[in-house]
Amino acid sequence: VDRSSLGLSAAPLVQFVGRLDPQKAPFILLEAFAHLLERHPDWQLLFVGDGLLRASMEEWITQRGLDHRIRIAGWRPDVPELLKAADLLTLPSLWEGMPNIVLEAMAAGLPVVVSRVEGTEELIRDGESGLLVTPGSPIELERQIETVLTDPKLCSQLRKAAQLAVQKRFTLDRMVSAYEQLYARLIAETAR
């Protein structure tokens, strides 16, 4: 995806992919990003997704005059291509299951900054394959996004470790093997 087709420049691009609803905490990200723009006025944020908070988010963005740096693209069928166009994925959810978008981003070699909640903790080794933040903390989210985007060495390290983690632990063969081992253990335990 060409960034210019989305009205975006070549400056650092943070992406959020998911439903625009309270569980995903998009307003926490808006607050964090508004502060980041004070120090990094060319940075950009792209929300990919739709939901009941979209209208209030658009109003929030417009009232602060941030339309030129924060965009809401709505639902898109080309998420894998959009991930390749981004510099970082963030998911500030208050709770999660197993967020596939985090795995997709990691597989694409995209650094991730996500909430430390059940589901993401199983995917990410904090500081190694991504950065975890306290749910509901715009200050921590702001700090960790800035840490990644201003440290090329860390950014590169997170990209490589994320891809490797997905290859080692989350390929189909690995998942099938893990389930086979689990089932074999459960069968053995119930046979006793």
N, C-alpha and C. Protein backbone atom coordinates (compact mmCIF):
# COMPACT_ATOMS: atom_id res chain seq x y z
N VAL A 1 0.85 -1.19 0.00
CA VAL A 1 0.00 0.00 0.00
C VAL A 1 0.89 1.24 0.00
N ASP A 2 0.59 2.13 -0.89
CA ASP A 2 1.30 3.40 -0.96
C ASP A 2 0.70 4.33 0.09
N ARG A 3 1.54 4.83 0.97
CA ARG A 3 1.05 5.69 2.05
C ARG A 3 0.30 6.91 1.52
N SER A 4 0.76 7.45 0.40
CA SER A 4 0.13 8.67 -0.11
C SER A 4 -1.33 8.43 -0.49
N SER A 5 -1.68 7.18 -0.85
CA SER A 5 -3.07 6.88 -1.18
C SER A 5 -3.97 7.00 0.06
N LEU A 6 -3.37 6.98 1.23
CA LEU A 6 -4.10 7.14 2.49
C LEU A 6 -3.95 8.56 3.05
N GLY A 7 -3.30 9.42 2.28
CA GLY A 7 -3.06 10.78 2.73
C GLY A 7 -1.96 10.88 3.77
N LEU A 8 -1.02 9.91 3.73
CA LEU A 8 0.07 9.86 4.71
C LEU A 8 1.40 10.14 4.04
N SER A 9 2.36 10.60 4.83
CA SER A 9 3.70 10.91 4.33
C SER A 9 4.67 9.79 4.68
N ALA A 10 5.94 10.02 4.42
CA ALA A 10 6.97 9.02 4.73
C ALA A 10 7.42 9.08 6.19
N ALA A 11 6.90 10.03 6.96
CA ALA A 11 7.27 10.17 8.38
C ALA A 11 6.80 8.93 9.16
N PRO A 12 7.37 8.69 10.35
CA PRO A 12 6.99 7.52 11.15
C PRO A 12 5.47 7.36 11.27
N LEU A 13 5.04 6.11 11.06
CA LEU A 13 3.61 5.79 11.07
C LEU A 13 3.30 4.72 12.11
N VAL A 14 2.46 5.08 13.07
CA VAL A 14 1.97 4.14 14.08
C VAL A 14 0.60 3.68 13.62
N GLN A 15 0.35 2.37 13.78
CA GLN A 15 -0.93 1.83 13.32
C GLN A 15 -1.65 1.09 14.44
N PHE A 16 -2.96 1.23 14.43
CA PHE A 16 -3.87 0.50 15.31
C PHE A 16 -4.81 -0.24 14.38
N VAL A 17 -4.99 -1.55 14.61
CA VAL A 17 -5.94 -2.32 13.81
C VAL A 17 -6.89 -3.03 14.78
N GLY A 18 -8.18 -2.75 14.65
CA GLY A 18 -9.15 -3.40 15.54
C GLY A 18 -10.46 -2.64 15.59
N ARG A 19 -11.37 -3.17 16.38
CA ARG A 19 -12.66 -2.51 16.58
C ARG A 19 -12.46 -1.22 17.36
N LEU A 20 -13.20 -0.21 16.96
CA LEU A 20 -13.14 1.05 17.69
C LEU A 20 -14.20 1.02 18.78
N ASP A 21 -13.87 0.31 19.86
CA ASP A 21 -14.80 0.20 20.98
C ASP A 21 -14.02 0.27 22.30
N PRO A 22 -14.73 0.44 23.42
CA PRO A 22 -14.05 0.66 24.70
C PRO A 22 -13.02 -0.41 25.08
N GLN A 23 -13.27 -1.67 24.76
CA GLN A 23 -12.31 -2.74 25.09
C GLN A 23 -10.92 -2.45 24.51
N LYS A 24 -10.88 -1.90 23.30
CA LYS A 24 -9.61 -1.67 22.60
C LYS A 24 -8.94 -0.36 23.01
N ALA A 25 -9.64 0.46 23.79
CA ALA A 25 -9.10 1.71 24.37
C ALA A 25 -8.46 2.66 23.36
N PRO A 26 -9.14 2.97 22.26
CA PRO A 26 -8.53 3.89 21.29
C PRO A 26 -8.32 5.30 21.82
N PHE A 27 -9.13 5.72 22.80
CA PHE A 27 -8.93 7.07 23.34
C PHE A 27 -7.64 7.16 24.16
N ILE A 28 -7.21 6.05 24.75
CA ILE A 28 -5.91 6.03 25.45
C ILE A 28 -4.81 6.31 24.43
N LEU A 29 -4.93 5.69 23.25
CA LEU A 29 -3.93 5.91 22.19
C LEU A 29 -4.01 7.33 21.66
N LEU A 30 -5.21 7.85 21.47
CA LEU A 30 -5.33 9.24 21.00
C LEU A 30 -4.65 10.21 21.97
N GLU A 31 -4.89 10.02 23.25
CA GLU A 31 -4.28 10.89 24.26
C GLU A 31 -2.75 10.79 24.22
N ALA A 32 -2.25 9.55 24.18
CA ALA A 32 -0.79 9.34 24.13
C ALA A 32 -0.20 9.97 22.88
N PHE A 33 -0.87 9.78 21.75
CA PHE A 33 -0.32 10.27 20.49
C PHE A 33 -0.37 11.79 20.39
N ALA A 34 -1.39 12.39 20.95
CA ALA A 34 -1.47 13.86 20.96
C ALA A 34 -0.24 14.44 21.68
N HIS A 35 0.18 13.80 22.76
CA HIS A 35 1.38 14.25 23.49
C HIS A 35 2.63 14.00 22.66
N LEU A 36 2.69 12.87 21.97
CA LEU A 36 3.85 12.58 21.11
C LEU A 36 3.99 13.63 20.01
N LEU A 37 2.86 14.08 19.47
CA LEU A 37 2.90 15.08 18.39
C LEU A 37 3.48 16.42 18.85
N GLU A 38 3.43 16.69 20.15
CA GLU A 38 4.03 17.93 20.67
C GLU A 38 5.55 17.90 20.46
N ARG A 39 6.14 16.70 20.56
CA ARG A 39 7.60 16.55 20.39
C ARG A 39 7.99 16.08 18.99
N HIS A 40 7.07 15.40 18.33
CA HIS A 40 7.36 14.82 17.00
C HIS A 40 6.20 15.19 16.07
N PRO A 41 6.14 16.46 15.64
CA PRO A 41 4.96 16.95 14.91
C PRO A 41 4.71 16.30 13.55
N ASP A 42 5.68 15.57 13.02
CA ASP A 42 5.46 14.93 11.72
C ASP A 42 4.98 13.48 11.83
N TRP A 43 4.99 12.90 13.03
CA TRP A 43 4.56 11.51 13.20
C TRP A 43 3.09 11.37 12.83
N GLN A 44 2.69 10.13 12.48
CA GLN A 44 1.34 9.87 12.01
C GLN A 44 0.75 8.66 12.72
N LEU A 45 -0.57 8.67 12.85
CA LEU A 45 -1.29 7.55 13.46
C LEU A 45 -2.44 7.18 12.53
N LEU A 46 -2.54 5.88 12.24
CA LEU A 46 -3.61 5.39 11.38
C LEU A 46 -4.41 4.34 12.13
N PHE A 47 -5.71 4.59 12.27
CA PHE A 47 -6.63 3.61 12.85
C PHE A 47 -7.26 2.84 11.70
N VAL A 48 -7.15 1.53 11.73
CA VAL A 48 -7.79 0.67 10.74
C VAL A 48 -8.84 -0.13 11.49
N GLY A 49 -10.10 0.12 11.17
CA GLY A 49 -11.18 -0.56 11.87
C GLY A 49 -12.37 0.38 12.00
N ASP A 50 -13.44 -0.16 12.51
CA ASP A 50 -14.66 0.61 12.66
C ASP A 50 -15.31 0.21 13.98
N GLY A 51 -16.28 0.98 14.41
CA GLY A 51 -16.97 0.62 15.64
C GLY A 51 -17.73 1.80 16.22
N LEU A 52 -18.32 1.55 17.36
CA LEU A 52 -19.22 2.55 17.95
C LEU A 52 -18.52 3.81 18.43
N LEU A 53 -17.20 3.80 18.59
CA LEU A 53 -16.50 5.01 19.04
C LEU A 53 -15.99 5.87 17.87
N ARG A 54 -16.19 5.42 16.64
CA ARG A 54 -15.59 6.14 15.50
C ARG A 54 -16.00 7.61 15.44
N ALA A 55 -17.30 7.88 15.53
CA ALA A 55 -17.77 9.27 15.41
C ALA A 55 -17.17 10.15 16.51
N SER A 56 -17.14 9.66 17.75
CA SER A 56 -16.59 10.47 18.85
C SER A 56 -15.07 10.62 18.70
N MET A 57 -14.41 9.62 18.14
CA MET A 57 -12.97 9.74 17.89
C MET A 57 -12.69 10.79 16.82
N GLU A 58 -13.48 10.76 15.74
CA GLU A 58 -13.31 11.74 14.66
C GLU A 58 -13.53 13.16 15.18
N GLU A 59 -14.53 13.32 16.05
CA GLU A 59 -14.82 14.62 16.65
C GLU A 59 -13.64 15.08 17.52
N TRP A 60 -13.10 14.16 18.32
CA TRP A 60 -11.95 14.45 19.20
C TRP A 60 -10.76 14.92 18.36
N ILE A 61 -10.49 14.20 17.28
CA ILE A 61 -9.35 14.52 16.40
C ILE A 61 -9.54 15.90 15.76
N THR A 62 -10.75 16.16 15.26
CA THR A 62 -11.05 17.44 14.59
C THR A 62 -10.97 18.61 15.56
N GLN A 63 -11.53 18.44 16.77
CA GLN A 63 -11.52 19.52 17.77
C GLN A 63 -10.10 19.94 18.13
N ARG A 64 -9.16 19.02 18.06
CA ARG A 64 -7.77 19.32 18.41
C ARG A 64 -6.93 19.68 17.19
N GLY A 65 -7.54 19.71 16.03
CA GLY A 65 -6.83 20.07 14.81
C GLY A 65 -5.76 19.07 14.42
N LEU A 66 -6.01 17.79 14.68
CA LEU A 66 -5.00 16.76 14.41
C LEU A 66 -5.32 15.91 13.18
N ASP A 67 -6.28 16.37 12.37
CA ASP A 67 -6.70 15.62 11.18
C ASP A 67 -5.54 15.33 10.22
N HIS A 68 -4.56 16.20 10.20
CA HIS A 68 -3.43 16.02 9.27
C HIS A 68 -2.45 14.96 9.76
N ARG A 69 -2.54 14.52 11.01
CA ARG A 69 -1.62 13.53 11.57
C ARG A 69 -2.29 12.25 12.04
N ILE A 70 -3.58 12.30 12.31
CA ILE A 70 -4.31 11.12 12.79
C ILE A 70 -5.46 10.85 11.83
N ARG A 71 -5.48 9.65 11.28
CA ARG A 71 -6.53 9.27 10.32
C ARG A 71 -7.26 8.00 10.79
N ILE A 72 -8.52 7.91 10.43
CA ILE A 72 -9.30 6.69 10.66
C ILE A 72 -9.68 6.17 9.28
N ALA A 73 -9.14 5.03 8.92
CA ALA A 73 -9.35 4.47 7.58
C ALA A 73 -10.60 3.60 7.50
N GLY A 74 -11.19 3.26 8.65
CA GLY A 74 -12.34 2.36 8.64
C GLY A 74 -11.89 0.93 8.40
N TRP A 75 -12.86 0.06 8.14
CA TRP A 75 -12.54 -1.34 7.87
C TRP A 75 -11.86 -1.43 6.51
N ARG A 76 -10.78 -2.23 6.42
CA ARG A 76 -10.05 -2.40 5.15
C ARG A 76 -9.76 -3.87 4.94
N PRO A 77 -9.84 -4.34 3.69
CA PRO A 77 -9.54 -5.75 3.40
C PRO A 77 -8.04 -6.00 3.23
N ASP A 78 -7.23 -4.94 3.19
CA ASP A 78 -5.80 -5.05 2.87
C ASP A 78 -4.89 -4.85 4.08
N VAL A 79 -5.31 -5.39 5.23
CA VAL A 79 -4.55 -5.20 6.47
C VAL A 79 -3.09 -5.69 6.35
N PRO A 80 -2.80 -6.86 5.76
CA PRO A 80 -1.39 -7.27 5.66
C PRO A 80 -0.52 -6.24 4.92
N GLU A 81 -1.06 -5.65 3.86
CA GLU A 81 -0.32 -4.62 3.12
C GLU A 81 -0.17 -3.35 3.95
N LEU A 82 -1.21 -3.01 4.69
CA LEU A 82 -1.14 -1.82 5.54
C LEU A 82 -0.09 -1.99 6.64
N LEU A 83 0.02 -3.20 7.19
CA LEU A 83 1.03 -3.46 8.22
C LEU A 83 2.43 -3.23 7.66
N LYS A 84 2.65 -3.62 6.41
CA LYS A 84 3.97 -3.43 5.78
C LYS A 84 4.30 -1.96 5.61
N ALA A 85 3.28 -1.11 5.51
CA ALA A 85 3.49 0.32 5.32
C ALA A 85 3.77 1.05 6.64
N ALA A 86 3.50 0.39 7.77
CA ALA A 86 3.63 1.03 9.08
C ALA A 86 5.03 0.85 9.67
N ASP A 87 5.32 1.62 10.72
CA ASP A 87 6.59 1.50 11.44
C ASP A 87 6.40 0.83 12.80
N LEU A 88 5.16 0.76 13.28
CA LEU A 88 4.89 0.19 14.59
C LEU A 88 3.39 -0.10 14.69
N LEU A 89 3.05 -1.20 15.36
CA LEU A 89 1.65 -1.50 15.66
C LEU A 89 1.46 -1.34 17.15
N THR A 90 0.35 -0.73 17.52
CA THR A 90 0.02 -0.64 18.94
C THR A 90 -1.41 -1.09 19.17
N LEU A 91 -1.61 -1.75 20.30
CA LEU A 91 -2.93 -2.23 20.69
C LEU A 91 -3.06 -2.00 22.20
N PRO A 92 -3.71 -0.88 22.60
CA PRO A 92 -3.78 -0.53 24.02
C PRO A 92 -4.98 -1.14 24.74
N SER A 93 -5.42 -2.33 24.33
CA SER A 93 -6.63 -2.96 24.88
C SER A 93 -6.63 -3.08 26.39
N LEU A 94 -7.83 -3.02 26.96
CA LEU A 94 -8.00 -3.22 28.39
C LEU A 94 -8.08 -4.71 28.73
N TRP A 95 -8.52 -5.52 27.77
CA TRP A 95 -8.48 -6.99 27.88
C TRP A 95 -8.48 -7.55 26.48
N GLU A 96 -8.01 -8.78 26.34
CA GLU A 96 -7.92 -9.43 25.04
C GLU A 96 -8.10 -10.92 25.20
N GLY A 97 -8.28 -11.59 24.07
CA GLY A 97 -8.21 -13.04 24.02
C GLY A 97 -6.80 -13.34 23.50
N MET A 98 -6.71 -13.79 22.27
CA MET A 98 -5.42 -13.97 21.60
C MET A 98 -5.50 -13.10 20.35
N PRO A 99 -5.02 -11.86 20.44
CA PRO A 99 -5.20 -10.93 19.33
C PRO A 99 -4.37 -11.31 18.10
N ASN A 100 -5.06 -11.82 17.07
CA ASN A 100 -4.39 -12.24 15.84
C ASN A 100 -3.59 -11.11 15.20
N ILE A 101 -4.08 -9.87 15.33
CA ILE A 101 -3.39 -8.75 14.68
C ILE A 101 -1.97 -8.59 15.22
N VAL A 102 -1.77 -8.91 16.49
CA VAL A 102 -0.43 -8.81 17.07
C VAL A 102 0.48 -9.86 16.44
N LEU A 103 -0.02 -11.09 16.28
CA LEU A 103 0.75 -12.14 15.60
C LEU A 103 1.05 -11.75 14.16
N GLU A 104 0.04 -11.20 13.46
CA GLU A 104 0.24 -10.78 12.07
C GLU A 104 1.32 -9.72 11.97
N ALA A 105 1.27 -8.75 12.87
CA ALA A 105 2.27 -7.68 12.85
C ALA A 105 3.67 -8.24 13.14
N MET A 106 3.76 -9.12 14.13
CA MET A 106 5.05 -9.73 14.46
C MET A 106 5.59 -10.52 13.28
N ALA A 107 4.72 -11.29 12.62
CA ALA A 107 5.13 -12.08 11.46
C ALA A 107 5.62 -11.18 10.33
N ALA A 108 5.03 -9.99 10.23
CA ALA A 108 5.43 -9.03 9.20
C ALA A 108 6.69 -8.26 9.60
N GLY A 109 7.23 -8.54 10.79
CA GLY A 109 8.44 -7.84 11.24
C GLY A 109 8.16 -6.42 11.71
N LEU A 110 6.97 -6.21 12.22
CA LEU A 110 6.59 -4.88 12.71
C LEU A 110 6.74 -4.84 14.22
N PRO A 111 7.48 -3.86 14.76
CA PRO A 111 7.57 -3.75 16.22
C PRO A 111 6.18 -3.52 16.81
N VAL A 112 5.93 -4.10 17.99
CA VAL A 112 4.62 -3.95 18.62
C VAL A 112 4.76 -3.40 20.04
N VAL A 113 3.83 -2.50 20.36
CA VAL A 113 3.70 -1.96 21.72
C VAL A 113 2.24 -2.20 22.09
N VAL A 114 2.03 -3.13 23.03
CA VAL A 114 0.67 -3.55 23.36
C VAL A 114 0.47 -3.63 24.88
N SER A 115 -0.79 -3.62 25.29
CA SER A 115 -1.11 -3.72 26.71
C SER A 115 -0.70 -5.07 27.28
N ARG A 116 -0.26 -5.03 28.52
CA ARG A 116 0.10 -6.25 29.26
C ARG A 116 -1.18 -6.86 29.80
N VAL A 117 -1.86 -7.66 28.96
CA VAL A 117 -3.10 -8.32 29.35
C VAL A 117 -3.02 -9.78 28.94
N GLU A 118 -3.91 -10.58 29.50
CA GLU A 118 -3.95 -11.98 29.13
C GLU A 118 -4.14 -12.06 27.62
N GLY A 119 -3.38 -12.89 26.97
CA GLY A 119 -3.44 -12.99 25.52
C GLY A 119 -2.19 -12.39 24.91
N THR A 120 -1.90 -11.13 25.25
CA THR A 120 -0.68 -10.52 24.70
C THR A 120 0.56 -11.00 25.45
N GLU A 121 0.39 -11.28 26.74
CA GLU A 121 1.55 -11.75 27.52
C GLU A 121 2.06 -13.10 27.02
N GLU A 122 1.16 -13.90 26.42
CA GLU A 122 1.57 -15.19 25.88
C GLU A 122 2.32 -15.03 24.56
N LEU A 123 2.08 -13.91 23.87
CA LEU A 123 2.68 -13.69 22.56
C LEU A 123 4.03 -12.99 22.62
N ILE A 124 4.18 -12.10 23.59
CA ILE A 124 5.33 -11.18 23.61
C ILE A 124 6.20 -11.36 24.84
N ARG A 125 7.49 -11.42 24.60
CA ARG A 125 8.46 -11.34 25.70
C ARG A 125 8.86 -9.87 25.78
N ASP A 126 8.44 -9.22 26.88
CA ASP A 126 8.63 -7.78 27.03
C ASP A 126 10.10 -7.39 26.89
N GLY A 127 10.34 -6.41 26.00
CA GLY A 127 11.69 -5.91 25.78
C GLY A 127 12.49 -6.75 24.80
N GLU A 128 11.92 -7.89 24.40
CA GLU A 128 12.64 -8.78 23.48
C GLU A 128 11.92 -8.86 22.13
N SER A 129 10.65 -9.29 22.15
CA SER A 129 9.91 -9.42 20.89
C SER A 129 8.81 -8.36 20.76
N GLY A 130 8.78 -7.44 21.70
CA GLY A 130 7.82 -6.35 21.71
C GLY A 130 7.87 -5.66 23.06
N LEU A 131 7.08 -4.61 23.22
CA LEU A 131 7.03 -3.90 24.49
C LEU A 131 5.61 -3.96 25.04
N LEU A 132 5.50 -4.26 26.33
CA LEU A 132 4.22 -4.33 27.00
C LEU A 132 4.03 -3.10 27.88
N VAL A 133 2.79 -2.59 27.92
CA VAL A 133 2.50 -1.43 28.74
C VAL A 133 1.30 -1.73 29.65
N THR A 134 1.19 -0.99 30.72
CA THR A 134 0.08 -1.14 31.65
C THR A 134 -1.21 -0.71 30.96
N PRO A 135 -2.25 -1.54 30.99
CA PRO A 135 -3.52 -1.15 30.38
C PRO A 135 -4.05 0.14 30.98
N GLY A 136 -4.57 1.01 30.13
CA GLY A 136 -5.16 2.26 30.61
C GLY A 136 -4.17 3.36 30.93
N SER A 137 -2.88 3.17 30.58
CA SER A 137 -1.87 4.19 30.88
C SER A 137 -1.38 4.90 29.62
N PRO A 138 -1.96 6.07 29.30
CA PRO A 138 -1.49 6.79 28.11
C PRO A 138 -0.04 7.24 28.25
N ILE A 139 0.41 7.53 29.47
CA ILE A 139 1.78 8.00 29.68
C ILE A 139 2.77 6.89 29.33
N GLU A 140 2.50 5.68 29.79
CA GLU A 140 3.39 4.55 29.50
C GLU A 140 3.35 4.21 28.01
N LEU A 141 2.16 4.24 27.42
CA LEU A 141 2.02 3.97 25.99
C LEU A 141 2.81 4.99 25.17
N GLU A 142 2.67 6.25 25.52
CA GLU A 142 3.41 7.33 24.85
C GLU A 142 4.92 7.08 24.95
N ARG A 143 5.39 6.78 26.16
CA ARG A 143 6.82 6.58 26.38
C ARG A 143 7.37 5.41 25.56
N GLN A 144 6.62 4.29 25.52
CA GLN A 144 7.13 3.11 24.82
C GLN A 144 7.08 3.26 23.31
N ILE A 145 6.07 3.93 22.78
CA ILE A 145 6.02 4.20 21.34
C ILE A 145 7.23 5.06 20.96
N GLU A 146 7.48 6.10 21.76
CA GLU A 146 8.61 6.98 21.50
C GLU A 146 9.93 6.23 21.60
N THR A 147 10.05 5.35 22.58
CA THR A 147 11.27 4.56 22.75
C THR A 147 11.58 3.78 21.48
N VAL A 148 10.58 3.10 20.94
CA VAL A 148 10.81 2.29 19.74
C VAL A 148 11.13 3.15 18.53
N LEU A 149 10.35 4.20 18.30
CA LEU A 149 10.51 4.99 17.08
C LEU A 149 11.72 5.91 17.08
N THR A 150 12.34 6.11 18.24
CA THR A 150 13.53 6.97 18.27
C THR A 150 14.82 6.17 18.47
N ASP A 151 14.70 4.86 18.53
CA ASP A 151 15.88 4.00 18.74
C ASP A 151 15.95 2.97 17.61
N PRO A 152 16.65 3.30 16.51
CA PRO A 152 16.70 2.39 15.36
C PRO A 152 17.25 1.01 15.71
N LYS A 153 18.21 0.94 16.63
CA LYS A 153 18.79 -0.34 17.02
C LYS A 153 17.74 -1.22 17.71
N LEU A 154 17.01 -0.63 18.66
CA LEU A 154 15.95 -1.36 19.36
C LEU A 154 14.86 -1.77 18.38
N CYS A 155 14.47 -0.87 17.50
CA CYS A 155 13.44 -1.13 16.50
C CYS A 155 13.82 -2.35 15.65
N SER A 156 15.04 -2.38 15.19
CA SER A 156 15.53 -3.50 14.37
C SER A 156 15.54 -4.80 15.16
N GLN A 157 15.99 -4.73 16.41
CA GLN A 157 16.05 -5.90 17.29
C GLN A 157 14.65 -6.46 17.53
N LEU A 158 13.67 -5.58 17.79
CA LEU A 158 12.29 -6.02 18.03
C LEU A 158 11.70 -6.66 16.78
N ARG A 159 11.99 -6.08 15.61
CA ARG A 159 11.50 -6.63 14.33
C ARG A 159 11.96 -8.08 14.16
N LYS A 160 13.26 -8.28 14.31
CA LYS A 160 13.85 -9.61 14.10
C LYS A 160 13.34 -10.62 15.13
N ALA A 161 13.33 -10.22 16.40
CA ALA A 161 12.90 -11.12 17.47
C ALA A 161 11.42 -11.48 17.33
N ALA A 162 10.60 -10.52 16.88
CA ALA A 162 9.17 -10.78 16.70
C ALA A 162 8.95 -11.82 15.60
N GLN A 163 9.62 -11.64 14.48
CA GLN A 163 9.48 -12.61 13.38
C GLN A 163 9.95 -13.99 13.80
N LEU A 164 11.06 -14.04 14.49
CA LEU A 164 11.62 -15.31 14.95
C LEU A 164 10.66 -15.99 15.94
N ALA A 165 10.09 -15.22 16.85
CA ALA A 165 9.15 -15.78 17.84
C ALA A 165 7.95 -16.42 17.15
N VAL A 166 7.42 -15.76 16.13
CA VAL A 166 6.27 -16.31 15.42
C VAL A 166 6.68 -17.60 14.70
N GLN A 167 7.85 -17.59 14.06
CA GLN A 167 8.32 -18.78 13.35
C GLN A 167 8.55 -19.95 14.31
N LYS A 168 9.10 -19.66 15.48
CA LYS A 168 9.42 -20.72 16.44
C LYS A 168 8.20 -21.26 17.17
N ARG A 169 7.27 -20.38 17.54
CA ARG A 169 6.20 -20.78 18.45
C ARG A 169 4.81 -20.81 17.85
N PHE A 170 4.57 -20.12 16.74
CA PHE A 170 3.20 -19.96 16.29
C PHE A 170 2.92 -20.39 14.86
N THR A 171 3.83 -21.15 14.25
CA THR A 171 3.50 -21.68 12.94
C THR A 171 2.47 -22.79 13.11
N LEU A 172 1.80 -23.15 12.06
CA LEU A 172 0.76 -24.18 12.14
C LEU A 172 1.34 -25.50 12.66
N ASP A 173 2.50 -25.90 12.15
CA ASP A 173 3.12 -27.15 12.60
C ASP A 173 3.40 -27.12 14.10
N ARG A 174 3.91 -26.00 14.60
CA ARG A 174 4.21 -25.87 16.04
C ARG A 174 2.93 -25.96 16.87
N MET A 175 1.89 -25.29 16.40
CA MET A 175 0.62 -25.28 17.15
C MET A 175 0.02 -26.68 17.17
N VAL A 176 0.03 -27.37 16.03
CA VAL A 176 -0.51 -28.73 15.96
C VAL A 176 0.28 -29.65 16.89
N SER A 177 1.60 -29.53 16.85
CA SER A 177 2.46 -30.34 17.71
C SER A 177 2.17 -30.09 19.19
N ALA A 178 1.99 -28.83 19.56
CA ALA A 178 1.70 -28.49 20.96
C ALA A 178 0.35 -29.09 21.39
N TYR A 179 -0.65 -29.01 20.52
CA TYR A 179 -1.95 -29.62 20.85
C TYR A 179 -1.86 -31.14 20.95
N GLU A 180 -1.10 -31.76 20.06
CA GLU A 180 -0.92 -33.22 20.12
C GLU A 180 -0.29 -33.63 21.45
N GLN A 181 0.72 -32.88 21.89
CA GLN A 181 1.37 -33.17 23.17
C GLN A 181 0.40 -32.97 24.33
N LEU A 182 -0.39 -31.92 24.27
CA LEU A 182 -1.38 -31.65 25.31
C LEU A 182 -2.40 -32.78 25.38
N TYR A 183 -2.95 -33.16 24.24
CA TYR A 183 -3.94 -34.24 24.22
C TYR A 183 -3.35 -35.56 24.72
N ALA A 184 -2.15 -35.88 24.31
CA ALA A 184 -1.50 -37.12 24.74
C ALA A 184 -1.33 -37.12 26.26
N ARG A 185 -0.93 -35.96 26.81
CA ARG A 185 -0.75 -35.85 28.27
C ARG A 185 -2.10 -36.01 29.00
N LEU A 186 -3.14 -35.37 28.47
CA LEU A 186 -4.47 -35.46 29.09
C LEU A 186 -5.01 -36.89 29.03
N ILE A 187 -4.81 -37.55 27.91
CA ILE A 187 -5.27 -38.93 27.77
C ILE A 187 -4.52 -39.83 28.76
N ALA A 188 -3.21 -39.64 28.88
CA ALA A 188 -2.40 -40.44 29.79
C ALA A 188 -2.85 -40.21 31.25
N GLU A 189 -3.16 -38.95 31.60
CA GLU A 189 -3.58 -38.63 32.95
C GLU A 189 -4.94 -39.23 33.27
N THR A 190 -5.87 -39.23 32.32
CA THR A 190 -7.21 -39.78 32.58
C THR A 190 -7.21 -41.30 32.55
N ALA A 191 -6.20 -41.91 31.93
CA ALA A 191 -6.11 -43.37 31.87
C ALA A 191 -5.58 -43.96 33.19
N ARG A 192 -5.02 -43.12 34.03
CA ARG A 192 -4.45 -43.60 35.30
C ARG A 192 -5.51 -44.00 36.27
